[in-house]
Amino acid sequence: MFDIRIIRSLGLLLAVLALVIAIGLRTAPESDATAPPVAYTVQPGDTLWEIADRTYAGDPRDRLGEIRALNDLEGSTLQAGQTLLLPAA
């Protein structure tokens, strides 16, 4: 029938494969599937700082760069009625 060495080799191969899969599942990065950005209409007197402070928990500085990048803003001047895309919280 089958040689015992072949059976042992297959068993060892399956064990190593299972270990590799288990380690890969534990260390796999989280999904990049994030919520889509949220549209926000700028109100008179709004600033990027105030929008970030009202919209997100924590330090607004963490989100200012994200808002600028998402909207291709070089400065911080906003116009009332302008629509901004805000990263999902």
PDB file of N, CA and C in Angstrom:
ATOM      1  N   MET A   1       0.841  -1.186   0.000  1.00  0.00           N
ATOM      2  CA  MET A   1       0.000   0.000   0.000  1.00  0.00           C
ATOM      3  C   MET A   1       0.887   1.251   0.000  1.00  0.00           C
ATOM      4  N   PHE A   2       0.597   2.128   0.945  1.00  0.00           N
ATOM      5  CA  PHE A   2       1.358   3.367   1.040  1.00  0.00           C
ATOM      6  C   PHE A   2       2.559   3.164   1.935  1.00  0.00           C
ATOM      7  N   ASP A   3       3.630   3.777   1.573  1.00  0.00           N
ATOM      8  CA  ASP A   3       4.830   3.745   2.385  1.00  0.00           C
ATOM      9  C   ASP A   3       4.588   4.634   3.608  1.00  0.00           C
ATOM     10  N   ILE A   4       4.985   4.179   4.787  1.00  0.00           N
ATOM     11  CA  ILE A   4       4.765   4.918   6.027  1.00  0.00           C
ATOM     12  C   ILE A   4       5.454   6.277   5.996  1.00  0.00           C
ATOM     13  N   ARG A   5       6.565   6.383   5.263  1.00  0.00           N
ATOM     14  CA  ARG A   5       7.269   7.668   5.162  1.00  0.00           C
ATOM     15  C   ARG A   5       6.432   8.691   4.400  1.00  0.00           C
ATOM     16  N   ILE A   6       5.728   8.254   3.400  1.00  0.00           N
ATOM     17  CA  ILE A   6       4.870   9.170   2.634  1.00  0.00           C
ATOM     18  C   ILE A   6       3.726   9.671   3.513  1.00  0.00           C
ATOM     19  N   ILE A   7       3.137   8.784   4.269  1.00  0.00           N
ATOM     20  CA  ILE A   7       2.025   9.157   5.146  1.00  0.00           C
ATOM     21  C   ILE A   7       2.499  10.135   6.210  1.00  0.00           C
ATOM     22  N   ARG A   8       3.647   9.883   6.810  1.00  0.00           N
ATOM     23  CA  ARG A   8       4.201  10.794   7.826  1.00  0.00           C
ATOM     24  C   ARG A   8       4.537  12.150   7.206  1.00  0.00           C
ATOM     25  N   SER A   9       5.091  12.140   6.009  1.00  0.00           N
ATOM     26  CA  SER A   9       5.435  13.392   5.320  1.00  0.00           C
ATOM     27  C   SER A   9       4.185  14.211   5.028  1.00  0.00           C
ATOM     28  N   LEU A  10       3.135  13.542   4.576  1.00  0.00           N
ATOM     29  CA  LEU A  10       1.874  14.241   4.331  1.00  0.00           C
ATOM     30  C   LEU A  10       1.284  14.808   5.619  1.00  0.00           C
ATOM     31  N   GLY A  11       1.357  14.039   6.691  1.00  0.00           N
ATOM     32  CA  GLY A  11       0.868  14.513   7.987  1.00  0.00           C
ATOM     33  C   GLY A  11       1.643  15.731   8.456  1.00  0.00           C
ATOM     34  N   LEU A  12       2.967  15.685   8.318  1.00  0.00           N
ATOM     35  CA  LEU A  12       3.808  16.816   8.710  1.00  0.00           C
ATOM     36  C   LEU A  12       3.507  18.033   7.834  1.00  0.00           C
ATOM     37  N   LEU A  13       3.345  17.800   6.551  1.00  0.00           N
ATOM     38  CA  LEU A  13       3.017  18.890   5.631  1.00  0.00           C
ATOM     39  C   LEU A  13       1.689  19.546   6.006  1.00  0.00           C
ATOM     40  N   LEU A  14       0.691  18.763   6.321  1.00  0.00           N
ATOM     41  CA  LEU A  14      -0.612  19.304   6.723  1.00  0.00           C
ATOM     42  C   LEU A  14      -0.515  20.079   8.032  1.00  0.00           C
ATOM     43  N   ALA A  15       0.275  19.583   8.969  1.00  0.00           N
ATOM     44  CA  ALA A  15       0.456  20.265  10.246  1.00  0.00           C
ATOM     45  C   ALA A  15       1.131  21.624  10.039  1.00  0.00           C
ATOM     46  N   VAL A  16       2.161  21.663   9.215  1.00  0.00           N
ATOM     47  CA  VAL A  16       2.852  22.924   8.941  1.00  0.00           C
ATOM     48  C   VAL A  16       1.921  23.883   8.213  1.00  0.00           C
ATOM     49  N   LEU A  17       1.170  23.413   7.272  1.00  0.00           N
ATOM     50  CA  LEU A  17       0.225  24.246   6.542  1.00  0.00           C
ATOM     51  C   LEU A  17      -0.829  24.842   7.484  1.00  0.00           C
ATOM     52  N   ALA A  18      -1.351  24.031   8.379  1.00  0.00           N
ATOM     53  CA  ALA A  18      -2.335  24.512   9.351  1.00  0.00           C
ATOM     54  C   ALA A  18      -1.724  25.587  10.252  1.00  0.00           C
ATOM     55  N   LEU A  19      -0.482  25.403  10.652  1.00  0.00           N
ATOM     56  CA  LEU A  19       0.205  26.385  11.499  1.00  0.00           C
ATOM     57  C   LEU A  19       0.398  27.699  10.748  1.00  0.00           C
ATOM     58  N   VAL A  20       0.814  27.629   9.508  1.00  0.00           N
ATOM     59  CA  VAL A  20       1.008  28.837   8.700  1.00  0.00           C
ATOM     60  C   VAL A  20      -0.305  29.587   8.528  1.00  0.00           C
ATOM     61  N   ILE A  21      -1.368  28.872   8.275  1.00  0.00           N
ATOM     62  CA  ILE A  21      -2.676  29.506   8.112  1.00  0.00           C
ATOM     63  C   ILE A  21      -3.120  30.148   9.418  1.00  0.00           C
ATOM     64  N   ALA A  22      -2.945  29.461  10.532  1.00  0.00           N
ATOM     65  CA  ALA A  22      -3.344  30.004  11.830  1.00  0.00           C
ATOM     66  C   ALA A  22      -2.567  31.273  12.155  1.00  0.00           C
ATOM     67  N   ILE A  23      -1.272  31.280  11.901  1.00  0.00           N
ATOM     68  CA  ILE A  23      -0.465  32.470  12.166  1.00  0.00           C
ATOM     69  C   ILE A  23      -0.883  33.603  11.233  1.00  0.00           C
ATOM     70  N   GLY A  24      -1.132  33.282   9.985  1.00  0.00           N
ATOM     71  CA  GLY A  24      -1.566  34.296   9.027  1.00  0.00           C
ATOM     72  C   GLY A  24      -2.876  34.936   9.412  1.00  0.00           C
ATOM     73  N   LEU A  25      -3.805  34.173   9.923  1.00  0.00           N
ATOM     74  CA  LEU A  25      -5.094  34.719  10.335  1.00  0.00           C
ATOM     75  C   LEU A  25      -4.955  35.610  11.553  1.00  0.00           C
ATOM     76  N   ARG A  26      -4.049  35.271  12.449  1.00  0.00           N
ATOM     77  CA  ARG A  26      -3.865  36.082  13.660  1.00  0.00           C
ATOM     78  C   ARG A  26      -3.193  37.402  13.354  1.00  0.00           C
ATOM     79  N   THR A  27      -2.313  37.425  12.350  1.00  0.00           N
ATOM     80  CA  THR A  27      -1.549  38.633  12.074  1.00  0.00           C
ATOM     81  C   THR A  27      -2.064  39.415  10.881  1.00  0.00           C
ATOM     82  N   ALA A  28      -3.150  38.982  10.273  1.00  0.00           N
ATOM     83  CA  ALA A  28      -3.694  39.683   9.112  1.00  0.00           C
ATOM     84  C   ALA A  28      -4.201  41.057   9.539  1.00  0.00           C
ATOM     85  N   PRO A  29      -3.919  42.089   8.738  1.00  0.00           N
ATOM     86  CA  PRO A  29      -4.407  43.425   9.078  1.00  0.00           C
ATOM     87  C   PRO A  29      -5.923  43.477   8.983  1.00  0.00           C
ATOM     88  N   GLU A  30      -6.487  44.441   9.700  1.00  0.00           N
ATOM     89  CA  GLU A  30      -7.926  44.613   9.642  1.00  0.00           C
ATOM     90  C   GLU A  30      -8.327  45.050   8.243  1.00  0.00           C
ATOM     91  N   SER A  31      -9.565  44.835   7.928  1.00  0.00           N
ATOM     92  CA  SER A  31     -10.077  45.177   6.613  1.00  0.00           C
ATOM     93  C   SER A  31      -9.961  46.675   6.359  1.00  0.00           C
ATOM     94  N   ASP A  32      -9.659  47.027   5.125  1.00  0.00           N
ATOM     95  CA  ASP A  32      -9.598  48.424   4.738  1.00  0.00           C
ATOM     96  C   ASP A  32     -10.969  48.968   4.367  1.00  0.00           C
ATOM     97  N   ALA A  33     -11.968  48.166   4.528  1.00  0.00           N
ATOM     98  CA  ALA A  33     -13.324  48.592   4.195  1.00  0.00           C
ATOM     99  C   ALA A  33     -13.793  49.578   5.256  1.00  0.00           C
ATOM    100  N   THR A  34     -13.624  50.866   4.971  1.00  0.00           N
ATOM    101  CA  THR A  34     -14.040  51.886   5.919  1.00  0.00           C
ATOM    102  C   THR A  34     -15.307  52.548   5.405  1.00  0.00           C
ATOM    103  N   ALA A  35     -15.962  53.226   6.305  1.00  0.00           N
ATOM    104  CA  ALA A  35     -17.191  53.916   5.926  1.00  0.00           C
ATOM    105  C   ALA A  35     -16.858  55.045   4.952  1.00  0.00           C
ATOM    106  N   PRO A  36     -17.745  55.347   4.041  1.00  0.00           N
ATOM    107  CA  PRO A  36     -17.496  56.433   3.086  1.00  0.00           C
ATOM    108  C   PRO A  36     -17.497  57.786   3.793  1.00  0.00           C
ATOM    109  N   PRO A  37     -16.838  58.776   3.198  1.00  0.00           N
ATOM    110  CA  PRO A  37     -16.832  60.115   3.791  1.00  0.00           C
ATOM    111  C   PRO A  37     -18.250  60.677   3.879  1.00  0.00           C
ATOM    112  N   VAL A  38     -18.406  61.622   4.778  1.00  0.00           N
ATOM    113  CA  VAL A  38     -19.698  62.259   5.012  1.00  0.00           C
ATOM    114  C   VAL A  38     -19.638  63.684   4.467  1.00  0.00           C
ATOM    115  N   ALA A  39     -20.655  64.104   3.732  1.00  0.00           N
ATOM    116  CA  ALA A  39     -20.708  65.469   3.190  1.00  0.00           C
ATOM    117  C   ALA A  39     -21.162  66.427   4.284  1.00  0.00           C
ATOM    118  N   TYR A  40     -20.497  67.580   4.337  1.00  0.00           N
ATOM    119  CA  TYR A  40     -20.844  68.628   5.304  1.00  0.00           C
ATOM    120  C   TYR A  40     -20.873  69.962   4.577  1.00  0.00           C
ATOM    121  N   THR A  41     -21.931  70.729   4.766  1.00  0.00           N
ATOM    122  CA  THR A  41     -22.035  72.055   4.164  1.00  0.00           C
ATOM    123  C   THR A  41     -21.534  73.088   5.168  1.00  0.00           C
ATOM    124  N   VAL A  42     -20.549  73.861   4.756  1.00  0.00           N
ATOM    125  CA  VAL A  42     -19.938  74.868   5.619  1.00  0.00           C
ATOM    126  C   VAL A  42     -20.957  75.961   5.929  1.00  0.00           C
ATOM    127  N   GLN A  43     -21.052  76.284   7.205  1.00  0.00           N
ATOM    128  CA  GLN A  43     -21.950  77.336   7.672  1.00  0.00           C
ATOM    129  C   GLN A  43     -21.143  78.629   7.853  1.00  0.00           C
ATOM    130  N   PRO A  44     -21.822  79.788   7.817  1.00  0.00           N
ATOM    131  CA  PRO A  44     -21.098  81.049   8.017  1.00  0.00           C
ATOM    132  C   PRO A  44     -20.332  81.025   9.348  1.00  0.00           C
ATOM    133  N   GLY A  45     -19.069  81.393   9.299  1.00  0.00           N
ATOM    134  CA  GLY A  45     -18.242  81.450  10.503  1.00  0.00           C
ATOM    135  C   GLY A  45     -17.538  80.143  10.841  1.00  0.00           C
ATOM    136  N   ASP A  46     -17.829  79.061  10.131  1.00  0.00           N
ATOM    137  CA  ASP A  46     -17.167  77.784  10.401  1.00  0.00           C
ATOM    138  C   ASP A  46     -15.666  77.867  10.113  1.00  0.00           C
ATOM    139  N   THR A  47     -14.896  77.170  10.900  1.00  0.00           N
ATOM    140  CA  THR A  47     -13.478  76.982  10.639  1.00  0.00           C
ATOM    141  C   THR A  47     -13.211  75.478  10.614  1.00  0.00           C
ATOM    142  N   LEU A  48     -12.111  75.097   9.980  1.00  0.00           N
ATOM    143  CA  LEU A  48     -11.758  73.674   9.967  1.00  0.00           C
ATOM    144  C   LEU A  48     -11.611  73.142  11.382  1.00  0.00           C
ATOM    145  N   TRP A  49     -11.020  73.935  12.248  1.00  0.00           N
ATOM    146  CA  TRP A  49     -10.804  73.518  13.635  1.00  0.00           C
ATOM    147  C   TRP A  49     -12.143  73.232  14.311  1.00  0.00           C
ATOM    148  N   GLU A  50     -13.095  74.162  14.169  1.00  0.00           N
ATOM    149  CA  GLU A  50     -14.407  73.981  14.808  1.00  0.00           C
ATOM    150  C   GLU A  50     -15.136  72.763  14.250  1.00  0.00           C
ATOM    151  N   ILE A  51     -15.052  72.571  12.933  1.00  0.00           N
ATOM    152  CA  ILE A  51     -15.716  71.419  12.315  1.00  0.00           C
ATOM    153  C   ILE A  51     -15.117  70.129  12.865  1.00  0.00           C
ATOM    154  N   ALA A  52     -13.790  70.042  12.912  1.00  0.00           N
ATOM    155  CA  ALA A  52     -13.127  68.844  13.435  1.00  0.00           C
ATOM    156  C   ALA A  52     -13.450  68.649  14.914  1.00  0.00           C
ATOM    157  N   ASP A  53     -13.490  69.743  15.666  1.00  0.00           N
ATOM    158  CA  ASP A  53     -13.766  69.659  17.108  1.00  0.00           C
ATOM    159  C   ASP A  53     -15.190  69.182  17.377  1.00  0.00           C
ATOM    160  N   ARG A  54     -16.150  69.677  16.580  1.00  0.00           N
ATOM    161  CA  ARG A  54     -17.556  69.282  16.767  1.00  0.00           C
ATOM    162  C   ARG A  54     -17.829  67.872  16.279  1.00  0.00           C
ATOM    163  N   THR A  55     -17.133  67.469  15.236  1.00  0.00           N
ATOM    164  CA  THR A  55     -17.468  66.232  14.550  1.00  0.00           C
ATOM    165  C   THR A  55     -16.781  65.003  15.119  1.00  0.00           C
ATOM    166  N   TYR A  56     -15.599  65.164  15.705  1.00  0.00           N
ATOM    167  CA  TYR A  56     -14.807  64.017  16.150  1.00  0.00           C
ATOM    168  C   TYR A  56     -14.449  64.133  17.618  1.00  0.00           C
ATOM    169  N   ALA A  57     -14.377  62.990  18.268  1.00  0.00           N
ATOM    170  CA  ALA A  57     -13.940  62.945  19.669  1.00  0.00           C
ATOM    171  C   ALA A  57     -12.414  63.071  19.685  1.00  0.00           C
ATOM    172  N   GLY A  58     -11.900  63.608  20.748  1.00  0.00           N
ATOM    173  CA  GLY A  58     -10.448  63.700  20.878  1.00  0.00           C
ATOM    174  C   GLY A  58      -9.905  65.003  20.324  1.00  0.00           C
ATOM    175  N   ASP A  59      -8.607  65.009  20.086  1.00  0.00           N
ATOM    176  CA  ASP A  59      -7.892  66.194  19.631  1.00  0.00           C
ATOM    177  C   ASP A  59      -8.218  66.489  18.166  1.00  0.00           C
ATOM    178  N   PRO A  60      -8.746  67.687  17.865  1.00  0.00           N
ATOM    179  CA  PRO A  60      -9.098  68.029  16.479  1.00  0.00           C
ATOM    180  C   PRO A  60      -7.902  67.991  15.531  1.00  0.00           C
ATOM    181  N   ARG A  61      -6.700  68.186  16.047  1.00  0.00           N
ATOM    182  CA  ARG A  61      -5.512  68.176  15.187  1.00  0.00           C
ATOM    183  C   ARG A  61      -5.351  66.852  14.464  1.00  0.00           C
ATOM    184  N   ASP A  62      -5.842  65.787  15.087  1.00  0.00           N
ATOM    185  CA  ASP A  62      -5.736  64.464  14.471  1.00  0.00           C
ATOM    186  C   ASP A  62      -6.529  64.379  13.165  1.00  0.00           C
ATOM    187  N   ARG A  63      -7.573  65.166  13.031  1.00  0.00           N
ATOM    188  CA  ARG A  63      -8.448  65.090  11.851  1.00  0.00           C
ATOM    189  C   ARG A  63      -8.249  66.218  10.846  1.00  0.00           C
ATOM    190  N   LEU A  64      -7.604  67.311  11.256  1.00  0.00           N
ATOM    191  CA  LEU A  64      -7.453  68.443  10.351  1.00  0.00           C
ATOM    192  C   LEU A  64      -6.740  68.052   9.057  1.00  0.00           C
ATOM    193  N   GLY A  65      -5.650  67.323   9.172  1.00  0.00           N
ATOM    194  CA  GLY A  65      -4.906  66.898   7.986  1.00  0.00           C
ATOM    195  C   GLY A  65      -5.733  65.991   7.098  1.00  0.00           C
ATOM    196  N   GLU A  66      -6.523  65.118   7.712  1.00  0.00           N
ATOM    197  CA  GLU A  66      -7.376  64.218   6.935  1.00  0.00           C
ATOM    198  C   GLU A  66      -8.425  65.002   6.147  1.00  0.00           C
ATOM    199  N   ILE A  67      -9.020  65.997   6.794  1.00  0.00           N
ATOM    200  CA  ILE A  67     -10.046  66.806   6.121  1.00  0.00           C
ATOM    201  C   ILE A  67      -9.411  67.575   4.967  1.00  0.00           C
ATOM    202  N   ARG A  68      -8.239  68.180   5.223  1.00  0.00           N
ATOM    203  CA  ARG A  68      -7.553  68.927   4.158  1.00  0.00           C
ATOM    204  C   ARG A  68      -7.219  68.013   2.975  1.00  0.00           C
ATOM    205  N   ALA A  69      -6.670  66.848   3.257  1.00  0.00           N
ATOM    206  CA  ALA A  69      -6.279  65.926   2.190  1.00  0.00           C
ATOM    207  C   ALA A  69      -7.487  65.424   1.401  1.00  0.00           C
ATOM    208  N   LEU A  70      -8.551  65.103   2.101  1.00  0.00           N
ATOM    209  CA  LEU A  70      -9.745  64.565   1.448  1.00  0.00           C
ATOM    210  C   LEU A  70     -10.389  65.588   0.511  1.00  0.00           C
ATOM    211  N   ASN A  71     -10.219  66.878   0.840  1.00  0.00           N
ATOM    212  CA  ASN A  71     -10.852  67.939   0.060  1.00  0.00           C
ATOM    213  C   ASN A  71      -9.859  68.750  -0.773  1.00  0.00           C
ATOM    214  N   ASP A  72      -8.612  68.297  -0.829  1.00  0.00           N
ATOM    215  CA  ASP A  72      -7.565  69.005  -1.583  1.00  0.00           C
ATOM    216  C   ASP A  72      -7.461  70.471  -1.171  1.00  0.00           C
ATOM    217  N   LEU A  73      -7.495  70.715   0.127  1.00  0.00           N
ATOM    218  CA  LEU A  73      -7.383  72.079   0.642  1.00  0.00           C
ATOM    219  C   LEU A  73      -5.921  72.379   0.966  1.00  0.00           C
ATOM    220  N   GLU A  74      -5.425  73.517   0.477  1.00  0.00           N
ATOM    221  CA  GLU A  74      -4.058  73.904   0.806  1.00  0.00           C
ATOM    222  C   GLU A  74      -4.036  74.777   2.050  1.00  0.00           C
ATOM    223  N   GLY A  75      -5.030  75.592   2.212  1.00  0.00           N
ATOM    224  CA  GLY A  75      -5.102  76.478   3.373  1.00  0.00           C
ATOM    225  C   GLY A  75      -6.268  76.088   4.257  1.00  0.00           C
ATOM    226  N   SER A  76      -6.724  77.073   5.027  1.00  0.00           N
ATOM    227  CA  SER A  76      -7.847  76.782   5.920  1.00  0.00           C
ATOM    228  C   SER A  76      -9.036  77.705   5.678  1.00  0.00           C
ATOM    229  N   THR A  77      -9.027  78.431   4.562  1.00  0.00           N
ATOM    230  CA  THR A  77     -10.121  79.340   4.239  1.00  0.00           C
ATOM    231  C   THR A  77     -11.307  78.547   3.711  1.00  0.00           C
ATOM    232  N   LEU A  78     -12.457  78.808   4.320  1.00  0.00           N
ATOM    233  CA  LEU A  78     -13.690  78.132   3.909  1.00  0.00           C
ATOM    234  C   LEU A  78     -14.712  79.153   3.468  1.00  0.00           C
ATOM    235  N   GLN A  79     -15.608  78.762   2.584  1.00  0.00           N
ATOM    236  CA  GLN A  79     -16.704  79.609   2.124  1.00  0.00           C
ATOM    237  C   GLN A  79     -18.017  79.017   2.610  1.00  0.00           C
ATOM    238  N   ALA A  80     -18.897  79.877   3.133  1.00  0.00           N
ATOM    239  CA  ALA A  80     -20.226  79.411   3.534  1.00  0.00           C
ATOM    240  C   ALA A  80     -20.898  78.779   2.321  1.00  0.00           C
ATOM    241  N   GLY A  81     -21.509  77.626   2.499  1.00  0.00           N
ATOM    242  CA  GLY A  81     -22.174  76.903   1.427  1.00  0.00           C
ATOM    243  C   GLY A  81     -21.280  75.889   0.746  1.00  0.00           C
ATOM    244  N   GLN A  82     -19.979  75.960   1.002  1.00  0.00           N
ATOM    245  CA  GLN A  82     -19.029  75.004   0.434  1.00  0.00           C
ATOM    246  C   GLN A  82     -19.314  73.615   1.030  1.00  0.00           C
ATOM    247  N   THR A  83     -19.198  72.598   0.208  1.00  0.00           N
ATOM    248  CA  THR A  83     -19.397  71.237   0.697  1.00  0.00           C
ATOM    249  C   THR A  83     -18.046  70.588   0.928  1.00  0.00           C
ATOM    250  N   LEU A  84     -17.857  70.088   2.126  1.00  0.00           N
ATOM    251  CA  LEU A  84     -16.638  69.365   2.498  1.00  0.00           C
ATOM    252  C   LEU A  84     -16.961  67.893   2.681  1.00  0.00           C
ATOM    253  N   LEU A  85     -16.024  67.061   2.338  1.00  0.00           N
ATOM    254  CA  LEU A  85     -16.134  65.640   2.671  1.00  0.00           C
ATOM    255  C   LEU A  85     -15.368  65.435   3.972  1.00  0.00           C
ATOM    256  N   LEU A  86     -16.025  64.824   4.944  1.00  0.00           N
ATOM    257  CA  LEU A  86     -15.411  64.561   6.235  1.00  0.00           C
ATOM    258  C   LEU A  86     -15.190  63.060   6.388  1.00  0.00           C
ATOM    259  N   PRO A  87     -14.002  62.664   6.878  1.00  0.00           N
ATOM    260  CA  PRO A  87     -13.776  61.238   7.113  1.00  0.00           C
ATOM    261  C   PRO A  87     -14.798  60.694   8.089  1.00  0.00           C
ATOM    262  N   ALA A  88     -15.236  59.472   7.868  1.00  0.00           N
ATOM    263  CA  ALA A  88     -16.186  58.843   8.796  1.00  0.00           C
ATOM    264  C   ALA A  88     -15.508  58.681  10.149  1.00  0.00           C
ATOM    265  N   ALA A  89     -16.266  58.854  11.182  1.00  0.00           N
ATOM    266  CA  ALA A  89     -15.692  58.785  12.540  1.00  0.00           C
ATOM    267  C   ALA A  89     -15.337  57.434  12.965  1.00  0.00           C
TER     268      ALA A  89
END
